[in-house]
Amino acid sequence: MEEASKQLTEFVEQLTRLGGTMAELFQRGNVALFSEMNAAIKEMHRLQHGSSDKVLQALEPECAVIYGNFDMIVQVLRTTEYGEIDAGAQTALNRLLHNINGAVVNIATALGLMGE
């Protein structure tokens, strides 16, 4: 049980890291922050995937939104020419980031970290 709660605590730390990074990304528009998002998401996945913690298991649908949308962000960025983000790519990135942000908020709310 102690290991499960340790995993949950570490997951919440990474969720907070992701939320903070996204806030900075929205504020500054610095695409270099995608690397920081990637690191947080990879750690969240490591902690959540296959966990015996019932809470982390229950978060699977929202986590799948985060993981899937970030994978799509990577795909969109790979299609940009010379790292230039055109209007179409920007629209796609905004939608994917919005989806991730919604899932982060839903998880934080489910964990009692923020009000509904």
N, C-alpha and C. Protein backbone atom coordinates (compact mmCIF):
# COMPACT_ATOMS: atom_id res chain seq x y z
N MET A 1 0.82 -1.19 0.00
CA MET A 1 0.00 0.00 0.00
C MET A 1 0.87 1.26 0.00
N GLU A 2 1.97 1.21 0.75
CA GLU A 2 2.85 2.37 0.83
C GLU A 2 3.47 2.68 -0.53
N GLU A 3 3.86 1.63 -1.28
CA GLU A 3 4.43 1.82 -2.60
C GLU A 3 3.41 2.48 -3.53
N ALA A 4 2.15 2.06 -3.42
CA ALA A 4 1.10 2.63 -4.26
C ALA A 4 0.92 4.11 -3.96
N SER A 5 0.91 4.48 -2.68
CA SER A 5 0.72 5.90 -2.35
C SER A 5 1.94 6.72 -2.76
N LYS A 6 3.12 6.11 -2.73
CA LYS A 6 4.33 6.79 -3.20
C LYS A 6 4.22 7.05 -4.70
N GLN A 7 3.72 6.06 -5.44
CA GLN A 7 3.52 6.24 -6.88
C GLN A 7 2.53 7.37 -7.15
N LEU A 8 1.45 7.41 -6.39
CA LEU A 8 0.44 8.45 -6.57
C LEU A 8 1.03 9.82 -6.28
N THR A 9 1.82 9.92 -5.21
CA THR A 9 2.45 11.19 -4.86
C THR A 9 3.38 11.65 -5.98
N GLU A 10 4.17 10.73 -6.50
CA GLU A 10 5.09 11.07 -7.59
C GLU A 10 4.31 11.44 -8.86
N PHE A 11 3.20 10.75 -9.10
CA PHE A 11 2.36 11.06 -10.25
C PHE A 11 1.81 12.48 -10.13
N VAL A 12 1.33 12.84 -8.95
CA VAL A 12 0.80 14.19 -8.72
C VAL A 12 1.89 15.23 -8.92
N GLU A 13 3.11 14.94 -8.51
CA GLU A 13 4.22 15.87 -8.74
C GLU A 13 4.43 16.09 -10.23
N GLN A 14 4.37 15.02 -11.02
CA GLN A 14 4.56 15.14 -12.46
C GLN A 14 3.37 15.84 -13.12
N LEU A 15 2.17 15.58 -12.63
CA LEU A 15 0.98 16.26 -13.13
C LEU A 15 1.10 17.77 -12.89
N THR A 16 1.58 18.14 -11.72
CA THR A 16 1.80 19.54 -11.39
C THR A 16 2.88 20.15 -12.29
N ARG A 17 3.94 19.39 -12.50
CA ARG A 17 5.02 19.83 -13.41
C ARG A 17 4.46 20.06 -14.81
N LEU A 18 3.64 19.13 -15.29
CA LEU A 18 3.04 19.26 -16.62
C LEU A 18 2.13 20.48 -16.69
N GLY A 19 1.30 20.66 -15.68
CA GLY A 19 0.39 21.80 -15.66
C GLY A 19 1.14 23.12 -15.66
N GLY A 20 2.21 23.21 -14.89
CA GLY A 20 3.02 24.42 -14.84
C GLY A 20 3.72 24.69 -16.17
N THR A 21 4.22 23.64 -16.78
CA THR A 21 4.88 23.79 -18.07
C THR A 21 3.90 24.25 -19.13
N MET A 22 2.69 23.69 -19.10
CA MET A 22 1.68 24.09 -20.07
C MET A 22 1.27 25.55 -19.86
N ALA A 23 1.15 25.96 -18.61
CA ALA A 23 0.81 27.36 -18.34
C ALA A 23 1.87 28.28 -18.92
N GLU A 24 3.12 27.91 -18.75
CA GLU A 24 4.21 28.72 -19.29
C GLU A 24 4.19 28.69 -20.82
N LEU A 25 3.90 27.53 -21.39
CA LEU A 25 3.81 27.42 -22.84
C LEU A 25 2.71 28.31 -23.39
N PHE A 26 1.54 28.29 -22.75
CA PHE A 26 0.43 29.14 -23.19
C PHE A 26 0.80 30.61 -23.07
N GLN A 27 1.52 30.96 -22.01
CA GLN A 27 1.87 32.35 -21.76
C GLN A 27 2.95 32.84 -22.71
N ARG A 28 3.96 32.03 -22.94
CA ARG A 28 5.13 32.49 -23.71
C ARG A 28 5.17 31.98 -25.15
N GLY A 29 4.47 30.87 -25.41
CA GLY A 29 4.50 30.29 -26.75
C GLY A 29 5.83 29.67 -27.12
N ASN A 30 6.64 29.32 -26.14
CA ASN A 30 7.96 28.77 -26.38
C ASN A 30 7.86 27.26 -26.64
N VAL A 31 8.02 26.85 -27.90
CA VAL A 31 7.89 25.43 -28.24
C VAL A 31 9.00 24.58 -27.65
N ALA A 32 10.07 25.18 -27.16
CA ALA A 32 11.12 24.42 -26.48
C ALA A 32 10.57 23.74 -25.23
N LEU A 33 9.46 24.25 -24.71
CA LEU A 33 8.85 23.65 -23.52
C LEU A 33 8.23 22.29 -23.80
N PHE A 34 8.08 21.92 -25.07
CA PHE A 34 7.56 20.60 -25.39
C PHE A 34 8.48 19.51 -24.83
N SER A 35 9.77 19.77 -24.76
CA SER A 35 10.71 18.80 -24.19
C SER A 35 10.42 18.57 -22.71
N GLU A 36 10.12 19.65 -22.00
CA GLU A 36 9.78 19.53 -20.57
C GLU A 36 8.44 18.79 -20.41
N MET A 37 7.48 19.10 -21.27
CA MET A 37 6.21 18.38 -21.24
C MET A 37 6.44 16.90 -21.48
N ASN A 38 7.27 16.58 -22.47
CA ASN A 38 7.56 15.19 -22.80
C ASN A 38 8.14 14.45 -21.59
N ALA A 39 9.07 15.09 -20.90
CA ALA A 39 9.69 14.45 -19.73
C ALA A 39 8.66 14.17 -18.64
N ALA A 40 7.79 15.13 -18.37
CA ALA A 40 6.76 14.94 -17.35
C ALA A 40 5.78 13.85 -17.75
N ILE A 41 5.37 13.85 -19.01
CA ILE A 41 4.40 12.86 -19.49
C ILE A 41 5.01 11.46 -19.48
N LYS A 42 6.26 11.32 -19.87
CA LYS A 42 6.92 10.01 -19.82
C LYS A 42 6.97 9.48 -18.39
N GLU A 43 7.25 10.35 -17.45
CA GLU A 43 7.31 9.93 -16.05
C GLU A 43 5.92 9.58 -15.53
N MET A 44 4.91 10.35 -15.93
CA MET A 44 3.53 10.03 -15.55
C MET A 44 3.16 8.65 -16.07
N HIS A 45 3.48 8.40 -17.33
CA HIS A 45 3.17 7.10 -17.94
C HIS A 45 3.87 5.97 -17.20
N ARG A 46 5.14 6.17 -16.88
CA ARG A 46 5.90 5.14 -16.16
C ARG A 46 5.24 4.82 -14.83
N LEU A 47 4.81 5.85 -14.13
CA LEU A 47 4.19 5.65 -12.82
C LEU A 47 2.79 5.05 -12.92
N GLN A 48 2.04 5.47 -13.91
CA GLN A 48 0.64 5.07 -14.01
C GLN A 48 0.46 3.72 -14.70
N HIS A 49 1.20 3.48 -15.75
CA HIS A 49 1.01 2.28 -16.56
C HIS A 49 1.39 1.02 -15.77
N GLY A 50 0.43 0.14 -15.59
CA GLY A 50 0.67 -1.11 -14.88
C GLY A 50 0.72 -0.97 -13.37
N SER A 51 0.36 0.19 -12.85
CA SER A 51 0.39 0.41 -11.41
C SER A 51 -0.70 -0.42 -10.73
N SER A 52 -0.42 -0.83 -9.51
CA SER A 52 -1.43 -1.55 -8.71
C SER A 52 -2.27 -0.57 -7.89
N ASP A 53 -1.92 0.71 -7.93
CA ASP A 53 -2.66 1.73 -7.21
C ASP A 53 -4.02 1.92 -7.88
N LYS A 54 -5.08 1.70 -7.14
CA LYS A 54 -6.45 1.78 -7.69
C LYS A 54 -6.76 3.18 -8.22
N VAL A 55 -6.25 4.20 -7.55
CA VAL A 55 -6.50 5.57 -8.01
C VAL A 55 -5.84 5.80 -9.37
N LEU A 56 -4.59 5.38 -9.49
CA LEU A 56 -3.89 5.55 -10.76
C LEU A 56 -4.56 4.73 -11.86
N GLN A 57 -5.06 3.56 -11.53
CA GLN A 57 -5.79 2.75 -12.51
C GLN A 57 -7.05 3.47 -12.97
N ALA A 58 -7.74 4.10 -12.03
CA ALA A 58 -8.99 4.79 -12.35
C ALA A 58 -8.76 6.01 -13.25
N LEU A 59 -7.54 6.53 -13.23
CA LEU A 59 -7.21 7.71 -14.05
C LEU A 59 -6.85 7.36 -15.49
N GLU A 60 -6.85 6.09 -15.83
CA GLU A 60 -6.43 5.63 -17.15
C GLU A 60 -7.10 6.37 -18.31
N PRO A 61 -8.43 6.56 -18.30
CA PRO A 61 -9.04 7.24 -19.46
C PRO A 61 -8.50 8.66 -19.69
N GLU A 62 -8.33 9.42 -18.63
CA GLU A 62 -7.80 10.78 -18.77
C GLU A 62 -6.32 10.75 -19.13
N CYS A 63 -5.59 9.80 -18.57
CA CYS A 63 -4.17 9.67 -18.91
C CYS A 63 -4.01 9.32 -20.39
N ALA A 64 -4.90 8.46 -20.89
CA ALA A 64 -4.85 8.09 -22.31
C ALA A 64 -5.03 9.33 -23.20
N VAL A 65 -5.86 10.27 -22.76
CA VAL A 65 -6.04 11.52 -23.51
C VAL A 65 -4.71 12.28 -23.55
N ILE A 66 -4.05 12.37 -22.41
CA ILE A 66 -2.76 13.08 -22.35
C ILE A 66 -1.74 12.40 -23.24
N TYR A 67 -1.57 11.09 -23.07
CA TYR A 67 -0.56 10.36 -23.83
C TYR A 67 -0.83 10.43 -25.34
N GLY A 68 -2.06 10.19 -25.73
CA GLY A 68 -2.42 10.17 -27.15
C GLY A 68 -2.28 11.53 -27.81
N ASN A 69 -2.73 12.56 -27.12
CA ASN A 69 -2.64 13.90 -27.69
C ASN A 69 -1.20 14.37 -27.76
N PHE A 70 -0.37 14.00 -26.79
CA PHE A 70 1.03 14.41 -26.87
C PHE A 70 1.72 13.68 -28.01
N ASP A 71 1.38 12.40 -28.22
CA ASP A 71 1.95 11.68 -29.36
C ASP A 71 1.60 12.39 -30.66
N MET A 72 0.38 12.90 -30.75
CA MET A 72 -0.04 13.63 -31.95
C MET A 72 0.72 14.95 -32.08
N ILE A 73 1.01 15.62 -30.97
CA ILE A 73 1.81 16.85 -31.01
C ILE A 73 3.17 16.55 -31.63
N VAL A 74 3.78 15.47 -31.20
CA VAL A 74 5.08 15.07 -31.74
C VAL A 74 4.96 14.85 -33.24
N GLN A 75 3.90 14.18 -33.68
CA GLN A 75 3.71 13.94 -35.11
C GLN A 75 3.55 15.25 -35.88
N VAL A 76 2.77 16.17 -35.34
CA VAL A 76 2.58 17.46 -36.00
C VAL A 76 3.91 18.19 -36.11
N LEU A 77 4.68 18.20 -35.04
CA LEU A 77 5.96 18.91 -35.06
C LEU A 77 6.93 18.28 -36.06
N ARG A 78 6.84 16.98 -36.22
CA ARG A 78 7.71 16.31 -37.19
C ARG A 78 7.37 16.67 -38.63
N THR A 79 6.15 17.11 -38.86
CA THR A 79 5.74 17.45 -40.22
C THR A 79 6.04 18.90 -40.59
N THR A 80 6.46 19.68 -39.62
CA THR A 80 6.74 21.08 -39.92
C THR A 80 8.06 21.18 -40.70
N GLU A 81 8.08 22.10 -41.60
CA GLU A 81 9.25 22.29 -42.43
C GLU A 81 10.22 23.26 -41.77
N TYR A 82 11.42 22.81 -41.51
CA TYR A 82 12.46 23.62 -40.89
C TYR A 82 12.04 24.15 -39.51
N GLY A 83 11.16 23.41 -38.84
CA GLY A 83 10.72 23.83 -37.52
C GLY A 83 9.75 24.98 -37.51
N GLU A 84 9.33 25.42 -38.70
CA GLU A 84 8.38 26.54 -38.81
C GLU A 84 6.96 26.00 -38.65
N ILE A 85 6.23 26.58 -37.72
CA ILE A 85 4.87 26.15 -37.46
C ILE A 85 3.92 27.05 -38.23
N ASP A 86 3.29 26.48 -39.27
CA ASP A 86 2.36 27.26 -40.08
C ASP A 86 1.00 27.31 -39.39
N ALA A 87 0.05 28.01 -40.00
CA ALA A 87 -1.26 28.22 -39.39
C ALA A 87 -2.00 26.90 -39.14
N GLY A 88 -1.90 25.97 -40.08
CA GLY A 88 -2.56 24.68 -39.91
C GLY A 88 -1.98 23.89 -38.76
N ALA A 89 -0.66 23.86 -38.68
CA ALA A 89 0.00 23.16 -37.58
C ALA A 89 -0.32 23.83 -36.25
N GLN A 90 -0.37 25.17 -36.25
CA GLN A 90 -0.68 25.89 -35.02
C GLN A 90 -2.08 25.57 -34.53
N THR A 91 -3.02 25.49 -35.45
CA THR A 91 -4.40 25.13 -35.09
C THR A 91 -4.45 23.74 -34.49
N ALA A 92 -3.75 22.80 -35.11
CA ALA A 92 -3.71 21.43 -34.60
C ALA A 92 -3.06 21.38 -33.22
N LEU A 93 -1.94 22.07 -33.07
CA LEU A 93 -1.24 22.09 -31.77
C LEU A 93 -2.13 22.69 -30.69
N ASN A 94 -2.81 23.78 -31.01
CA ASN A 94 -3.70 24.41 -30.03
C ASN A 94 -4.78 23.45 -29.57
N ARG A 95 -5.37 22.71 -30.51
CA ARG A 95 -6.44 21.76 -30.17
C ARG A 95 -5.90 20.64 -29.30
N LEU A 96 -4.75 20.10 -29.67
CA LEU A 96 -4.14 19.01 -28.90
C LEU A 96 -3.75 19.47 -27.49
N LEU A 97 -3.19 20.67 -27.41
CA LEU A 97 -2.84 21.22 -26.09
C LEU A 97 -4.10 21.45 -25.25
N HIS A 98 -5.15 21.91 -25.87
CA HIS A 98 -6.43 22.11 -25.17
C HIS A 98 -6.93 20.77 -24.62
N ASN A 99 -6.84 19.71 -25.41
CA ASN A 99 -7.26 18.39 -24.95
C ASN A 99 -6.44 17.92 -23.75
N ILE A 100 -5.13 18.12 -23.83
CA ILE A 100 -4.25 17.73 -22.72
C ILE A 100 -4.59 18.54 -21.48
N ASN A 101 -4.75 19.83 -21.65
CA ASN A 101 -5.07 20.70 -20.52
C ASN A 101 -6.38 20.27 -19.85
N GLY A 102 -7.38 19.93 -20.65
CA GLY A 102 -8.64 19.46 -20.10
C GLY A 102 -8.47 18.19 -19.28
N ALA A 103 -7.66 17.27 -19.78
CA ALA A 103 -7.41 16.02 -19.05
C ALA A 103 -6.65 16.30 -17.76
N VAL A 104 -5.69 17.20 -17.79
CA VAL A 104 -4.95 17.57 -16.57
C VAL A 104 -5.91 18.14 -15.53
N VAL A 105 -6.79 19.03 -15.96
CA VAL A 105 -7.77 19.62 -15.05
C VAL A 105 -8.70 18.54 -14.50
N ASN A 106 -9.16 17.62 -15.36
CA ASN A 106 -10.04 16.55 -14.90
C ASN A 106 -9.36 15.65 -13.87
N ILE A 107 -8.09 15.33 -14.10
CA ILE A 107 -7.35 14.50 -13.14
C ILE A 107 -7.16 15.25 -11.84
N ALA A 108 -6.76 16.51 -11.92
CA ALA A 108 -6.55 17.31 -10.71
C ALA A 108 -7.85 17.42 -9.92
N THR A 109 -8.96 17.59 -10.60
CA THR A 109 -10.26 17.67 -9.93
C THR A 109 -10.60 16.33 -9.29
N ALA A 110 -10.40 15.24 -10.01
CA ALA A 110 -10.70 13.91 -9.48
C ALA A 110 -9.87 13.60 -8.24
N LEU A 111 -8.66 14.12 -8.20
CA LEU A 111 -7.76 13.88 -7.06
C LEU A 111 -7.98 14.88 -5.93
N GLY A 112 -8.92 15.81 -6.14
CA GLY A 112 -9.22 16.80 -5.10
C GLY A 112 -8.19 17.91 -5.01
N LEU A 113 -7.44 18.11 -6.07
CA LEU A 113 -6.40 19.14 -6.08
C LEU A 113 -6.96 20.51 -6.45
N MET A 114 -8.16 20.51 -7.04
CA MET A 114 -8.80 21.77 -7.39
C MET A 114 -10.31 21.56 -7.35
N GLY A 115 -11.02 22.65 -7.14
CA GLY A 115 -12.47 22.58 -7.08
C GLY A 115 -13.08 22.36 -8.44
N GLU A 116 -14.32 21.92 -8.45
CA GLU A 116 -15.00 21.65 -9.71
C GLU A 116 -15.54 22.87 -10.35
